[in-house]
Amino acid sequence: MAAATSNETGCGEAAAGGKRGPLGIPEAVFVEDVDSFMKQPGNETADVVLKKLDEQYQKYKFLELNLAQKKRRLKSQIPEIKQTLEILKHMQKKKANVMLEYDIDEAQALLEKNLSTATRNLDLLEEDLDFLRDQFTTTEVNMARVYNWDVKRRNKQDPSKNKA
């Protein structure tokens, strides 16, 4: 994971034009040095940074929900396409003379193309979901690191609170 640098936004996310993953999802950049990260413009307080990180996390969650819905849809479509192809092949073996919207060869070519596209899209969706899971982890770690940094900072400012 890359360390956060000054050309990133205040929440450890790649800046516009920065590194993006599949579907143009911005990559969450690991905050290596929290002290220097917190000195960057836009990172006035830990609360501000934590809010930005949480907003980014919620965006990732929203994307995950949408991708999971697409995945479920594709997972149900693929068996349907396969079943239709099997029926079509059975009709070809029986030399069935059934009125179809397409001739049997065209229908088979279309179904095979649709099956190939659906399978490829499912594979790409899996990659996108894997990428998103990495972004969750990085964002969660960044949030914990900023929170811990702030606790240490406050304890240094008021050491009397440590004497419990």
N, C-alpha and C. Protein backbone atom coordinates (compact mmCIF):
# COMPACT_ATOMS: atom_id res chain seq x y z
N MET A 1 0.83 -1.18 0.00
CA MET A 1 0.00 0.00 0.00
C MET A 1 0.88 1.24 0.00
N ALA A 2 0.45 2.24 -0.70
CA ALA A 2 1.23 3.47 -0.81
C ALA A 2 1.01 4.35 0.41
N ALA A 3 2.02 5.09 0.76
CA ALA A 3 1.89 6.04 1.87
C ALA A 3 1.19 7.29 1.37
N ALA A 4 0.49 7.96 2.28
CA ALA A 4 -0.22 9.19 1.91
C ALA A 4 0.79 10.29 1.62
N THR A 5 0.52 11.04 0.57
CA THR A 5 1.39 12.15 0.20
C THR A 5 0.56 13.40 0.05
N SER A 6 1.20 14.51 -0.21
CA SER A 6 0.49 15.80 -0.23
C SER A 6 -0.43 15.98 -1.43
N ASN A 7 -0.37 15.12 -2.41
CA ASN A 7 -1.26 15.31 -3.57
C ASN A 7 -2.56 14.54 -3.42
N GLU A 8 -2.89 14.13 -2.19
CA GLU A 8 -4.13 13.42 -1.96
C GLU A 8 -5.12 14.29 -1.24
N THR A 9 -6.36 13.87 -1.26
CA THR A 9 -7.37 14.60 -0.51
C THR A 9 -7.18 14.32 0.97
N GLY A 10 -7.90 15.04 1.80
CA GLY A 10 -7.72 14.95 3.23
C GLY A 10 -8.18 13.65 3.86
N CYS A 11 -8.66 12.69 3.12
CA CYS A 11 -9.14 11.48 3.78
C CYS A 11 -8.41 10.23 3.33
N GLY A 12 -7.22 10.38 2.79
CA GLY A 12 -6.46 9.21 2.40
C GLY A 12 -6.99 8.57 1.13
N GLU A 13 -7.79 9.29 0.40
CA GLU A 13 -8.35 8.80 -0.85
C GLU A 13 -7.53 9.42 -1.98
N ALA A 14 -7.36 8.69 -3.06
CA ALA A 14 -6.60 9.23 -4.18
C ALA A 14 -7.28 10.50 -4.69
N ALA A 15 -6.51 11.50 -5.00
CA ALA A 15 -7.06 12.76 -5.50
C ALA A 15 -7.60 12.54 -6.91
N ALA A 16 -8.42 13.46 -7.37
CA ALA A 16 -8.94 13.38 -8.73
C ALA A 16 -7.76 13.24 -9.68
N GLY A 17 -7.84 12.28 -10.54
CA GLY A 17 -6.72 12.03 -11.43
C GLY A 17 -5.71 11.10 -10.78
N GLY A 18 -5.93 10.75 -9.51
CA GLY A 18 -5.05 9.83 -8.80
C GLY A 18 -5.38 8.41 -9.20
N LYS A 19 -4.82 7.47 -8.48
CA LYS A 19 -5.02 6.06 -8.81
C LYS A 19 -6.46 5.64 -8.54
N ARG A 20 -7.04 4.99 -9.51
CA ARG A 20 -8.40 4.51 -9.38
C ARG A 20 -8.43 3.04 -9.73
N GLY A 21 -9.34 2.34 -9.13
CA GLY A 21 -9.47 0.92 -9.37
C GLY A 21 -10.50 0.64 -10.45
N PRO A 22 -11.01 -0.58 -10.45
CA PRO A 22 -12.04 -0.94 -11.42
C PRO A 22 -13.25 -0.02 -11.26
N LEU A 23 -13.96 0.21 -12.31
CA LEU A 23 -15.15 1.08 -12.34
C LEU A 23 -14.83 2.52 -11.96
N GLY A 24 -13.56 2.89 -11.96
CA GLY A 24 -13.19 4.25 -11.59
C GLY A 24 -13.32 4.51 -10.10
N ILE A 25 -13.36 3.46 -9.29
CA ILE A 25 -13.49 3.61 -7.84
C ILE A 25 -12.17 4.18 -7.31
N PRO A 26 -12.24 5.31 -6.58
CA PRO A 26 -10.99 5.88 -6.06
C PRO A 26 -10.35 4.95 -5.03
N GLU A 27 -9.03 4.83 -5.13
CA GLU A 27 -8.32 3.96 -4.22
C GLU A 27 -8.10 4.66 -2.88
N ALA A 28 -8.39 3.96 -1.80
CA ALA A 28 -8.10 4.47 -0.46
C ALA A 28 -6.61 4.27 -0.22
N VAL A 29 -5.91 5.37 0.04
CA VAL A 29 -4.45 5.30 0.21
C VAL A 29 -4.13 5.17 1.69
N PHE A 30 -3.30 4.21 2.01
CA PHE A 30 -2.92 3.99 3.41
C PHE A 30 -2.15 5.20 3.95
N VAL A 31 -2.56 5.67 5.13
CA VAL A 31 -1.90 6.80 5.79
C VAL A 31 -0.76 6.24 6.62
N GLU A 32 0.44 6.38 6.11
CA GLU A 32 1.63 5.85 6.78
C GLU A 32 2.03 6.74 7.95
N ASP A 33 2.17 8.03 7.68
CA ASP A 33 2.63 8.99 8.70
C ASP A 33 1.47 9.92 9.06
N VAL A 34 0.80 9.61 10.17
CA VAL A 34 -0.40 10.36 10.56
C VAL A 34 -0.04 11.80 10.90
N ASP A 35 1.11 12.02 11.55
CA ASP A 35 1.51 13.39 11.91
C ASP A 35 1.57 14.29 10.69
N SER A 36 2.29 13.85 9.65
CA SER A 36 2.40 14.70 8.46
C SER A 36 1.07 14.75 7.71
N PHE A 37 0.32 13.67 7.74
CA PHE A 37 -0.99 13.64 7.09
C PHE A 37 -1.92 14.68 7.72
N MET A 38 -1.88 14.79 9.03
CA MET A 38 -2.77 15.73 9.73
C MET A 38 -2.35 17.18 9.52
N LYS A 39 -1.15 17.42 9.04
CA LYS A 39 -0.68 18.79 8.76
C LYS A 39 -1.07 19.25 7.36
N GLN A 40 -1.60 18.34 6.55
CA GLN A 40 -1.98 18.70 5.18
C GLN A 40 -3.19 19.63 5.19
N PRO A 41 -3.30 20.49 4.18
CA PRO A 41 -4.47 21.39 4.08
C PRO A 41 -5.77 20.58 4.07
N GLY A 42 -6.75 21.06 4.80
CA GLY A 42 -8.04 20.38 4.85
C GLY A 42 -8.16 19.40 6.00
N ASN A 43 -7.05 19.15 6.68
CA ASN A 43 -7.06 18.21 7.80
C ASN A 43 -6.90 18.96 9.12
N GLU A 44 -7.77 19.93 9.35
CA GLU A 44 -7.64 20.81 10.51
C GLU A 44 -7.73 20.06 11.83
N THR A 45 -8.72 19.16 11.93
CA THR A 45 -8.90 18.41 13.18
C THR A 45 -9.12 16.93 12.85
N ALA A 46 -8.94 16.11 13.86
CA ALA A 46 -9.19 14.68 13.69
C ALA A 46 -10.66 14.43 13.36
N ASP A 47 -11.55 15.22 13.97
CA ASP A 47 -12.98 15.04 13.69
C ASP A 47 -13.30 15.29 12.21
N VAL A 48 -12.69 16.32 11.64
CA VAL A 48 -12.90 16.63 10.21
C VAL A 48 -12.41 15.45 9.35
N VAL A 49 -11.23 14.96 9.66
CA VAL A 49 -10.65 13.86 8.88
C VAL A 49 -11.48 12.59 9.06
N LEU A 50 -11.88 12.30 10.29
CA LEU A 50 -12.69 11.11 10.53
C LEU A 50 -14.04 11.19 9.80
N LYS A 51 -14.60 12.38 9.74
CA LYS A 51 -15.86 12.56 9.01
C LYS A 51 -15.65 12.28 7.53
N LYS A 52 -14.55 12.80 6.96
CA LYS A 52 -14.26 12.55 5.54
C LYS A 52 -14.04 11.06 5.28
N LEU A 53 -13.30 10.43 6.18
CA LEU A 53 -13.05 9.00 6.02
C LEU A 53 -14.35 8.20 6.11
N ASP A 54 -15.21 8.59 7.04
CA ASP A 54 -16.49 7.90 7.19
C ASP A 54 -17.36 8.09 5.95
N GLU A 55 -17.34 9.30 5.39
CA GLU A 55 -18.11 9.55 4.16
C GLU A 55 -17.60 8.66 3.03
N GLN A 56 -16.28 8.55 2.92
CA GLN A 56 -15.71 7.69 1.88
C GLN A 56 -16.09 6.24 2.13
N TYR A 57 -16.04 5.83 3.37
CA TYR A 57 -16.41 4.46 3.74
C TYR A 57 -17.86 4.18 3.35
N GLN A 58 -18.75 5.14 3.61
CA GLN A 58 -20.16 4.98 3.26
C GLN A 58 -20.36 4.89 1.75
N LYS A 59 -19.55 5.64 0.99
CA LYS A 59 -19.61 5.55 -0.47
C LYS A 59 -19.20 4.16 -0.94
N TYR A 60 -18.15 3.62 -0.33
CA TYR A 60 -17.72 2.26 -0.67
C TYR A 60 -18.82 1.26 -0.34
N LYS A 61 -19.48 1.44 0.80
CA LYS A 61 -20.57 0.53 1.19
C LYS A 61 -21.72 0.60 0.19
N PHE A 62 -22.05 1.81 -0.26
CA PHE A 62 -23.12 1.98 -1.24
C PHE A 62 -22.75 1.27 -2.55
N LEU A 63 -21.51 1.43 -2.99
CA LEU A 63 -21.06 0.75 -4.20
C LEU A 63 -21.13 -0.76 -4.02
N GLU A 64 -20.73 -1.23 -2.85
CA GLU A 64 -20.77 -2.67 -2.59
C GLU A 64 -22.20 -3.20 -2.70
N LEU A 65 -23.15 -2.46 -2.15
CA LEU A 65 -24.54 -2.86 -2.21
C LEU A 65 -25.01 -2.97 -3.67
N ASN A 66 -24.68 -1.97 -4.47
CA ASN A 66 -25.06 -2.00 -5.89
C ASN A 66 -24.41 -3.16 -6.63
N LEU A 67 -23.12 -3.38 -6.36
CA LEU A 67 -22.42 -4.48 -7.04
C LEU A 67 -22.96 -5.83 -6.60
N ALA A 68 -23.32 -5.96 -5.33
CA ALA A 68 -23.88 -7.22 -4.84
C ALA A 68 -25.22 -7.51 -5.51
N GLN A 69 -26.02 -6.47 -5.73
CA GLN A 69 -27.30 -6.65 -6.43
C GLN A 69 -27.06 -7.11 -7.87
N LYS A 70 -26.09 -6.48 -8.54
CA LYS A 70 -25.76 -6.89 -9.91
C LYS A 70 -25.28 -8.34 -9.94
N LYS A 71 -24.48 -8.70 -8.94
CA LYS A 71 -23.94 -10.06 -8.87
C LYS A 71 -25.08 -11.07 -8.72
N ARG A 72 -26.03 -10.79 -7.83
CA ARG A 72 -27.17 -11.69 -7.65
C ARG A 72 -27.96 -11.83 -8.95
N ARG A 73 -28.15 -10.71 -9.63
CA ARG A 73 -28.90 -10.73 -10.89
C ARG A 73 -28.17 -11.60 -11.93
N LEU A 74 -26.86 -11.41 -12.04
CA LEU A 74 -26.09 -12.20 -13.01
C LEU A 74 -26.07 -13.68 -12.63
N LYS A 75 -25.96 -13.95 -11.33
CA LYS A 75 -25.93 -15.35 -10.89
C LYS A 75 -27.24 -16.07 -11.18
N SER A 76 -28.33 -15.33 -11.27
CA SER A 76 -29.59 -15.97 -11.63
C SER A 76 -29.75 -16.03 -13.16
N GLN A 77 -29.18 -15.05 -13.87
CA GLN A 77 -29.30 -15.03 -15.34
C GLN A 77 -28.50 -16.15 -15.99
N ILE A 78 -27.32 -16.41 -15.48
CA ILE A 78 -26.43 -17.38 -16.13
C ILE A 78 -27.08 -18.77 -16.21
N PRO A 79 -27.64 -19.30 -15.10
CA PRO A 79 -28.30 -20.61 -15.23
C PRO A 79 -29.51 -20.58 -16.18
N GLU A 80 -30.23 -19.47 -16.21
CA GLU A 80 -31.37 -19.36 -17.13
C GLU A 80 -30.90 -19.42 -18.58
N ILE A 81 -29.81 -18.73 -18.89
CA ILE A 81 -29.27 -18.74 -20.26
C ILE A 81 -28.80 -20.15 -20.60
N LYS A 82 -28.11 -20.80 -19.65
CA LYS A 82 -27.63 -22.17 -19.90
C LYS A 82 -28.80 -23.12 -20.14
N GLN A 83 -29.84 -22.97 -19.34
CA GLN A 83 -31.02 -23.82 -19.50
C GLN A 83 -31.68 -23.59 -20.86
N THR A 84 -31.77 -22.35 -21.27
CA THR A 84 -32.37 -22.04 -22.57
C THR A 84 -31.52 -22.62 -23.70
N LEU A 85 -30.20 -22.54 -23.54
CA LEU A 85 -29.30 -23.13 -24.55
C LEU A 85 -29.51 -24.64 -24.63
N GLU A 86 -29.66 -25.30 -23.48
CA GLU A 86 -29.88 -26.75 -23.46
C GLU A 86 -31.20 -27.10 -24.17
N ILE A 87 -32.23 -26.32 -23.91
CA ILE A 87 -33.52 -26.55 -24.57
C ILE A 87 -33.37 -26.39 -26.08
N LEU A 88 -32.65 -25.35 -26.47
CA LEU A 88 -32.43 -25.10 -27.89
C LEU A 88 -31.67 -26.25 -28.54
N LYS A 89 -30.63 -26.76 -27.87
CA LYS A 89 -29.86 -27.89 -28.40
C LYS A 89 -30.74 -29.14 -28.51
N HIS A 90 -31.60 -29.32 -27.51
CA HIS A 90 -32.53 -30.46 -27.55
C HIS A 90 -33.46 -30.34 -28.75
N MET A 91 -33.94 -29.12 -29.00
CA MET A 91 -34.82 -28.88 -30.15
C MET A 91 -34.07 -29.19 -31.45
N GLN A 92 -32.77 -28.84 -31.50
CA GLN A 92 -32.00 -29.11 -32.72
C GLN A 92 -31.86 -30.61 -32.95
N LYS A 93 -31.61 -31.37 -31.86
CA LYS A 93 -31.47 -32.83 -31.98
C LYS A 93 -32.77 -33.47 -32.48
N LYS A 94 -33.85 -32.97 -31.95
CA LYS A 94 -35.16 -33.52 -32.32
C LYS A 94 -35.65 -32.97 -33.65
N LYS A 95 -34.87 -32.03 -34.18
CA LYS A 95 -35.25 -31.36 -35.43
C LYS A 95 -36.68 -30.80 -35.31
N ALA A 96 -36.93 -30.22 -34.17
CA ALA A 96 -38.25 -29.66 -33.89
C ALA A 96 -38.55 -28.51 -34.83
N ASN A 97 -39.72 -28.49 -35.33
CA ASN A 97 -40.15 -27.43 -36.21
C ASN A 97 -41.07 -26.50 -35.42
N VAL A 98 -40.45 -25.63 -34.66
CA VAL A 98 -41.19 -24.74 -33.78
C VAL A 98 -41.02 -23.33 -34.30
N MET A 99 -42.08 -22.56 -34.22
CA MET A 99 -41.99 -21.17 -34.66
C MET A 99 -41.26 -20.36 -33.59
N LEU A 100 -40.13 -19.79 -33.96
CA LEU A 100 -39.32 -18.99 -33.04
C LEU A 100 -39.13 -17.59 -33.60
N GLU A 101 -38.79 -16.68 -32.70
CA GLU A 101 -38.53 -15.31 -33.13
C GLU A 101 -37.26 -15.25 -34.00
N TYR A 102 -36.30 -16.11 -33.68
CA TYR A 102 -35.05 -16.22 -34.44
C TYR A 102 -34.98 -17.63 -35.00
N ASP A 103 -34.18 -17.81 -36.06
CA ASP A 103 -33.96 -19.20 -36.44
C ASP A 103 -33.03 -19.80 -35.38
N ILE A 104 -33.00 -21.11 -35.31
CA ILE A 104 -32.32 -21.80 -34.21
C ILE A 104 -30.84 -21.44 -34.14
N ASP A 105 -30.17 -21.34 -35.28
CA ASP A 105 -28.73 -21.00 -35.27
C ASP A 105 -28.50 -19.59 -34.74
N GLU A 106 -29.35 -18.64 -35.16
CA GLU A 106 -29.23 -17.27 -34.66
C GLU A 106 -29.48 -17.22 -33.17
N ALA A 107 -30.50 -17.93 -32.73
CA ALA A 107 -30.84 -17.96 -31.30
C ALA A 107 -29.68 -18.54 -30.49
N GLN A 108 -29.08 -19.61 -31.01
CA GLN A 108 -27.96 -20.23 -30.30
C GLN A 108 -26.78 -19.27 -30.23
N ALA A 109 -26.47 -18.61 -31.32
CA ALA A 109 -25.35 -17.66 -31.34
C ALA A 109 -25.60 -16.52 -30.35
N LEU A 110 -26.84 -16.02 -30.33
CA LEU A 110 -27.18 -14.94 -29.41
C LEU A 110 -27.08 -15.39 -27.96
N LEU A 111 -27.60 -16.56 -27.66
CA LEU A 111 -27.54 -17.08 -26.29
C LEU A 111 -26.09 -17.33 -25.85
N GLU A 112 -25.28 -17.87 -26.74
CA GLU A 112 -23.87 -18.11 -26.39
C GLU A 112 -23.14 -16.80 -26.14
N LYS A 113 -23.47 -15.78 -26.95
CA LYS A 113 -22.87 -14.46 -26.75
C LYS A 113 -23.32 -13.88 -25.40
N ASN A 114 -24.61 -14.01 -25.10
CA ASN A 114 -25.14 -13.50 -23.83
C ASN A 114 -24.52 -14.23 -22.63
N LEU A 115 -24.34 -15.54 -22.78
CA LEU A 115 -23.72 -16.33 -21.71
C LEU A 115 -22.28 -15.89 -21.48
N SER A 116 -21.56 -15.70 -22.57
CA SER A 116 -20.17 -15.26 -22.48
C SER A 116 -20.08 -13.89 -21.81
N THR A 117 -20.94 -12.98 -22.23
CA THR A 117 -20.95 -11.62 -21.66
C THR A 117 -21.31 -11.66 -20.18
N ALA A 118 -22.33 -12.43 -19.82
CA ALA A 118 -22.75 -12.51 -18.41
C ALA A 118 -21.65 -13.10 -17.54
N THR A 119 -20.99 -14.14 -18.04
CA THR A 119 -19.91 -14.78 -17.29
C THR A 119 -18.74 -13.81 -17.11
N ARG A 120 -18.38 -13.11 -18.18
CA ARG A 120 -17.29 -12.12 -18.10
C ARG A 120 -17.65 -11.00 -17.12
N ASN A 121 -18.90 -10.52 -17.19
CA ASN A 121 -19.34 -9.47 -16.28
C ASN A 121 -19.32 -9.93 -14.82
N LEU A 122 -19.67 -11.19 -14.59
CA LEU A 122 -19.63 -11.73 -13.23
C LEU A 122 -18.19 -11.77 -12.72
N ASP A 123 -17.26 -12.18 -13.57
CA ASP A 123 -15.84 -12.20 -13.18
C ASP A 123 -15.34 -10.80 -12.85
N LEU A 124 -15.72 -9.82 -13.68
CA LEU A 124 -15.32 -8.43 -13.43
C LEU A 124 -15.94 -7.90 -12.14
N LEU A 125 -17.17 -8.27 -11.89
CA LEU A 125 -17.84 -7.86 -10.65
C LEU A 125 -17.11 -8.41 -9.43
N GLU A 126 -16.67 -9.66 -9.53
CA GLU A 126 -15.91 -10.27 -8.43
C GLU A 126 -14.63 -9.48 -8.17
N GLU A 127 -13.96 -9.08 -9.24
CA GLU A 127 -12.74 -8.27 -9.09
C GLU A 127 -13.06 -6.93 -8.44
N ASP A 128 -14.16 -6.30 -8.88
CA ASP A 128 -14.56 -5.02 -8.29
C ASP A 128 -14.87 -5.16 -6.81
N LEU A 129 -15.57 -6.24 -6.45
CA LEU A 129 -15.90 -6.46 -5.04
C LEU A 129 -14.64 -6.73 -4.21
N ASP A 130 -13.69 -7.47 -4.76
CA ASP A 130 -12.42 -7.69 -4.06
C ASP A 130 -11.70 -6.37 -3.84
N PHE A 131 -11.67 -5.53 -4.87
CA PHE A 131 -11.03 -4.22 -4.76
C PHE A 131 -11.72 -3.39 -3.68
N LEU A 132 -13.04 -3.40 -3.67
CA LEU A 132 -13.79 -2.64 -2.67
C LEU A 132 -13.49 -3.13 -1.26
N ARG A 133 -13.37 -4.45 -1.08
CA ARG A 133 -13.04 -4.98 0.25
C ARG A 133 -11.69 -4.44 0.71
N ASP A 134 -10.75 -4.34 -0.18
CA ASP A 134 -9.45 -3.75 0.17
C ASP A 134 -9.60 -2.29 0.58
N GLN A 135 -10.50 -1.57 -0.08
CA GLN A 135 -10.71 -0.16 0.25
C GLN A 135 -11.36 -0.01 1.62
N PHE A 136 -12.27 -0.94 1.94
CA PHE A 136 -12.87 -0.93 3.29
C PHE A 136 -11.79 -1.06 4.34
N THR A 137 -10.95 -2.06 4.14
CA THR A 137 -9.90 -2.34 5.13
C THR A 137 -8.98 -1.15 5.29
N THR A 138 -8.52 -0.60 4.18
CA THR A 138 -7.60 0.55 4.24
C THR A 138 -8.27 1.73 4.93
N THR A 139 -9.52 1.99 4.60
CA THR A 139 -10.24 3.12 5.20
C THR A 139 -10.44 2.90 6.70
N GLU A 140 -10.80 1.68 7.08
CA GLU A 140 -10.98 1.37 8.50
C GLU A 140 -9.67 1.55 9.27
N VAL A 141 -8.58 1.07 8.68
CA VAL A 141 -7.27 1.21 9.34
C VAL A 141 -6.91 2.69 9.45
N ASN A 142 -7.14 3.46 8.39
CA ASN A 142 -6.86 4.90 8.43
C ASN A 142 -7.67 5.59 9.53
N MET A 143 -8.95 5.21 9.64
CA MET A 143 -9.80 5.80 10.67
C MET A 143 -9.24 5.48 12.07
N ALA A 144 -8.85 4.25 12.28
CA ALA A 144 -8.30 3.85 13.58
C ALA A 144 -7.00 4.59 13.87
N ARG A 145 -6.15 4.74 12.87
CA ARG A 145 -4.87 5.41 13.07
C ARG A 145 -5.08 6.89 13.41
N VAL A 146 -6.00 7.56 12.71
CA VAL A 146 -6.28 8.98 13.00
C VAL A 146 -6.91 9.11 14.38
N TYR A 147 -7.83 8.23 14.72
CA TYR A 147 -8.47 8.28 16.04
C TYR A 147 -7.41 8.10 17.15
N ASN A 148 -6.56 7.08 17.00
CA ASN A 148 -5.51 6.84 18.00
C ASN A 148 -4.53 8.01 18.09
N TRP A 149 -4.21 8.59 16.95
CA TRP A 149 -3.33 9.77 16.93
C TRP A 149 -3.96 10.90 17.75
N ASP A 150 -5.26 11.09 17.58
CA ASP A 150 -5.96 12.16 18.30
C ASP A 150 -6.00 11.87 19.80
N VAL A 151 -6.22 10.63 20.19
CA VAL A 151 -6.23 10.27 21.62
C VAL A 151 -4.87 10.57 22.23
N LYS A 152 -3.80 10.18 21.56
CA LYS A 152 -2.44 10.45 22.06
C LYS A 152 -2.20 11.95 22.17
N ARG A 153 -2.64 12.69 21.16
CA ARG A 153 -2.45 14.15 21.16
C ARG A 153 -3.18 14.78 22.35
N ARG A 154 -4.41 14.37 22.58
CA ARG A 154 -5.17 14.93 23.70
C ARG A 154 -4.57 14.54 25.04
N ASN A 155 -4.05 13.32 25.13
CA ASN A 155 -3.42 12.89 26.38
C ASN A 155 -2.14 13.68 26.67
N LYS A 156 -1.42 14.05 25.62
CA LYS A 156 -0.22 14.87 25.80
C LYS A 156 -0.60 16.27 26.27
N GLN A 157 -1.73 16.79 25.76
CA GLN A 157 -2.17 18.14 26.13
C GLN A 157 -2.67 18.18 27.56
N ASP A 158 -3.29 17.12 28.06
CA ASP A 158 -3.84 17.11 29.41
C ASP A 158 -3.47 15.78 30.07
N PRO A 159 -2.23 15.66 30.57
CA PRO A 159 -1.78 14.39 31.16
C PRO A 159 -2.54 14.01 32.43
N SER A 160 -3.23 14.95 33.07
CA SER A 160 -3.96 14.64 34.31
C SER A 160 -5.10 13.65 34.05
N LYS A 161 -5.61 13.59 32.82
CA LYS A 161 -6.70 12.67 32.48
C LYS A 161 -6.19 11.23 32.42
N ASN A 162 -4.89 11.03 32.29
CA ASN A 162 -4.30 9.70 32.22
C ASN A 162 -4.21 9.04 33.59
N LYS A 163 -4.27 9.80 34.65
CA LYS A 163 -4.04 9.29 36.01
C LYS A 163 -5.34 8.70 36.57
N ALA A 164 -5.76 7.59 36.05
CA ALA A 164 -7.02 7.00 36.52
C ALA A 164 -6.75 5.91 37.54
